Amino acid sequence: MALPVTIFTLIKVTHVLLAIVAIGFNATYGIWLARAAREPSHRMFVLNGIKILDDRVANPAYVLLIITGLLMVAIAEIPLQTFWVAASLVLYAALVILGLGVYSPTLRRQIAMLEPSEPTSEAYHRLERRGAVAGGALAVLSILIVTLMVTKPTL
């Protein structure tokens, strides 16, 4: 017996695939950065690669995630005040603020500092640490959102 494919199902599949892409790409950044730390001559390539992946794939996927998520909430008539929905939206807002306000500008500054030469300054190393902390915080926020989406806890 064939199962009916609804618009809700198509949106949900799209939503899940977008989450896999966005979070999956972000999860690789730490690996790339660790490799660049071991081979500083590859830093510029790695940072530019991360910037391209972030700007052209991960961030657009995050934008589409909020759209598909809100569409599903509307179609299913789930109140935005539902704990797991509201908590996810708050965490998503924090993720966007941290990503756009800290991580992306830090990455741009790192690239700008690398362009003239390979930096060894304390200022560059501070930016590296800031990027690592912001990246870790973004990972935690993403994991919390996925956990809420999968478990749908109530209070």
Protein backbone atom coordinates (compact mmCIF):
# COMPACT_ATOMS: atom_id res chain seq x y z
CA MET A 1 0.00 0.00 0.00
CA ALA A 2 1.42 3.37 -1.05
CA LEU A 3 1.67 6.14 1.51
CA PRO A 4 0.36 9.55 0.41
CA VAL A 5 2.97 12.23 -0.08
CA THR A 6 1.69 15.52 1.28
CA ILE A 7 3.09 19.02 0.96
CA PHE A 8 3.89 18.79 4.68
CA THR A 9 5.97 15.64 4.07
CA LEU A 10 7.87 17.31 1.22
CA ILE A 11 8.59 20.37 3.35
CA LYS A 12 9.69 18.16 6.26
CA VAL A 13 12.08 16.16 4.05
CA THR A 14 13.48 19.42 2.67
CA HIS A 15 13.83 20.77 6.22
CA VAL A 16 15.73 17.69 7.42
CA LEU A 17 18.04 17.71 4.37
CA LEU A 18 18.77 21.42 4.91
CA ALA A 19 19.64 20.72 8.55
CA ILE A 20 22.00 17.92 7.50
CA VAL A 21 23.71 20.20 4.98
CA ALA A 22 23.97 23.29 7.23
CA ILE A 23 25.13 21.50 10.35
CA GLY A 24 27.22 19.01 8.40
CA PHE A 25 29.18 21.75 6.65
CA ASN A 26 29.66 23.62 9.94
CA ALA A 27 30.87 20.43 11.64
CA THR A 28 33.75 20.17 9.17
CA TYR A 29 35.15 23.64 9.94
CA GLY A 30 36.95 22.49 13.10
CA ILE A 31 38.67 19.69 11.17
CA TRP A 32 39.77 22.09 8.43
CA LEU A 33 41.03 24.63 10.99
CA ALA A 34 42.96 21.96 12.91
CA ARG A 35 44.68 20.89 9.69
CA ALA A 36 45.51 24.51 8.86
CA ALA A 37 47.02 24.97 12.34
CA ARG A 38 49.37 22.07 11.61
CA GLU A 39 50.20 23.43 8.14
CA PRO A 40 50.12 27.23 8.40
CA SER A 41 50.97 27.66 4.72
CA HIS A 42 47.44 26.33 3.97
CA ARG A 43 45.65 28.76 6.31
CA MET A 44 44.51 31.17 3.61
CA PHE A 45 43.13 28.34 1.45
CA VAL A 46 41.28 26.84 4.43
CA LEU A 47 39.83 30.14 5.70
CA ASN A 48 38.70 31.17 2.21
CA GLY A 49 37.20 27.71 1.72
CA ILE A 50 35.29 27.94 4.98
CA LYS A 51 34.06 31.42 4.05
CA ILE A 52 32.79 30.18 0.68
CA LEU A 53 31.10 27.14 2.24
CA ASP A 54 29.53 29.32 4.94
CA ASP A 55 28.37 32.11 2.61
CA ARG A 56 27.14 29.97 -0.29
CA VAL A 57 25.90 26.76 1.32
CA ALA A 58 25.56 26.67 5.13
CA ASN A 59 24.06 30.14 5.70
CA PRO A 60 21.53 29.88 2.85
CA ALA A 61 20.54 26.47 4.25
CA TYR A 62 19.96 28.07 7.68
CA VAL A 63 17.74 30.72 6.07
CA LEU A 64 15.71 28.02 4.31
CA LEU A 65 15.54 26.05 7.57
CA ILE A 66 13.65 28.80 9.36
CA ILE A 67 11.31 29.19 6.39
CA THR A 68 10.55 25.47 6.11
CA GLY A 69 10.27 25.16 9.90
CA LEU A 70 7.74 27.98 10.13
CA LEU A 71 5.81 26.54 7.19
CA MET A 72 5.54 23.20 8.98
CA VAL A 73 4.41 24.89 12.19
CA ALA A 74 1.75 26.79 10.23
CA ILE A 75 0.54 23.75 8.27
CA ALA A 76 0.41 21.57 11.39
CA GLU A 77 -1.19 24.43 13.35
CA ILE A 78 1.34 24.13 16.16
CA PRO A 79 1.30 27.25 18.36
CA LEU A 80 4.58 29.18 18.38
CA GLN A 81 4.28 29.18 22.19
CA THR A 82 4.74 25.38 22.24
CA PHE A 83 7.86 24.88 24.37
CA TRP A 84 10.06 23.07 21.83
CA VAL A 85 9.08 25.49 19.05
CA ALA A 86 9.58 28.63 21.14
CA ALA A 87 12.87 27.38 22.63
CA SER A 88 14.14 26.45 19.16
CA LEU A 89 13.26 29.90 17.82
CA VAL A 90 15.11 31.59 20.70
CA LEU A 91 18.16 29.37 20.13
CA TYR A 92 17.96 30.00 16.37
CA ALA A 93 17.95 33.77 17.02
CA ALA A 94 21.03 33.35 19.24
CA LEU A 95 22.68 31.26 16.52
CA VAL A 96 22.03 33.96 13.89
CA ILE A 97 23.25 36.77 16.16
CA LEU A 98 26.42 34.87 17.11
CA GLY A 99 27.07 33.70 13.56
CA LEU A 100 26.56 37.05 11.87
CA GLY A 101 27.77 39.21 14.74
CA VAL A 102 30.86 37.29 15.86
CA TYR A 103 31.86 34.29 13.74
CA SER A 104 31.58 35.80 10.25
CA PRO A 105 33.32 39.10 11.11
CA THR A 106 36.08 37.17 12.90
CA LEU A 107 36.60 34.98 9.85
CA ARG A 108 36.73 38.05 7.58
CA ARG A 109 39.32 39.70 9.86
CA GLN A 110 41.44 36.55 9.92
CA ILE A 111 41.46 36.46 6.12
CA ALA A 112 42.31 40.18 5.94
CA MET A 113 45.24 39.66 8.32
CA LEU A 114 46.51 36.74 6.25
CA GLU A 115 46.40 38.50 2.90
CA PRO A 116 49.62 40.50 3.25
CA SER A 117 51.59 37.66 4.85
CA GLU A 118 51.44 34.72 7.25
CA PRO A 119 50.73 36.34 10.64
CA THR A 120 52.34 35.27 13.86
CA SER A 121 51.02 38.19 15.89
CA GLU A 122 49.12 37.86 19.12
CA ALA A 123 46.25 39.77 17.47
CA TYR A 124 45.82 37.02 14.89
CA HIS A 125 45.98 34.30 17.54
CA ARG A 126 43.29 36.15 19.53
CA LEU A 127 41.10 36.08 16.42
CA GLU A 128 41.76 32.36 16.03
CA ARG A 129 40.69 31.72 19.62
CA ARG A 130 37.64 33.94 19.23
CA GLY A 131 36.64 32.03 16.09
CA ALA A 132 37.12 28.70 17.85
CA VAL A 133 35.00 29.75 20.84
CA ALA A 134 32.27 31.19 18.60
CA GLY A 135 32.35 28.08 16.41
CA GLY A 136 32.03 25.85 19.46
CA ALA A 137 29.11 27.89 20.78
CA LEU A 138 27.41 27.70 17.37
CA ALA A 139 27.84 23.92 17.39
CA VAL A 140 26.25 23.66 20.84
CA LEU A 141 23.31 25.85 19.76
CA SER A 142 22.80 23.71 16.64
CA ILE A 143 22.87 20.50 18.66
CA LEU A 144 20.36 21.92 21.16
CA ILE A 145 18.00 22.92 18.34
CA VAL A 146 18.25 19.49 16.71
CA THR A 147 17.62 17.85 20.09
CA LEU A 148 14.49 19.95 20.61
CA MET A 149 13.26 19.22 17.09
CA VAL A 150 13.74 15.48 17.46
CA THR A 151 12.53 15.01 21.04
CA LYS A 152 9.82 17.71 21.11
CA PRO A 153 9.85 17.97 24.93
CA THR A 154 6.97 19.57 26.79
CA LEU A 155 6.97 21.48 30.06
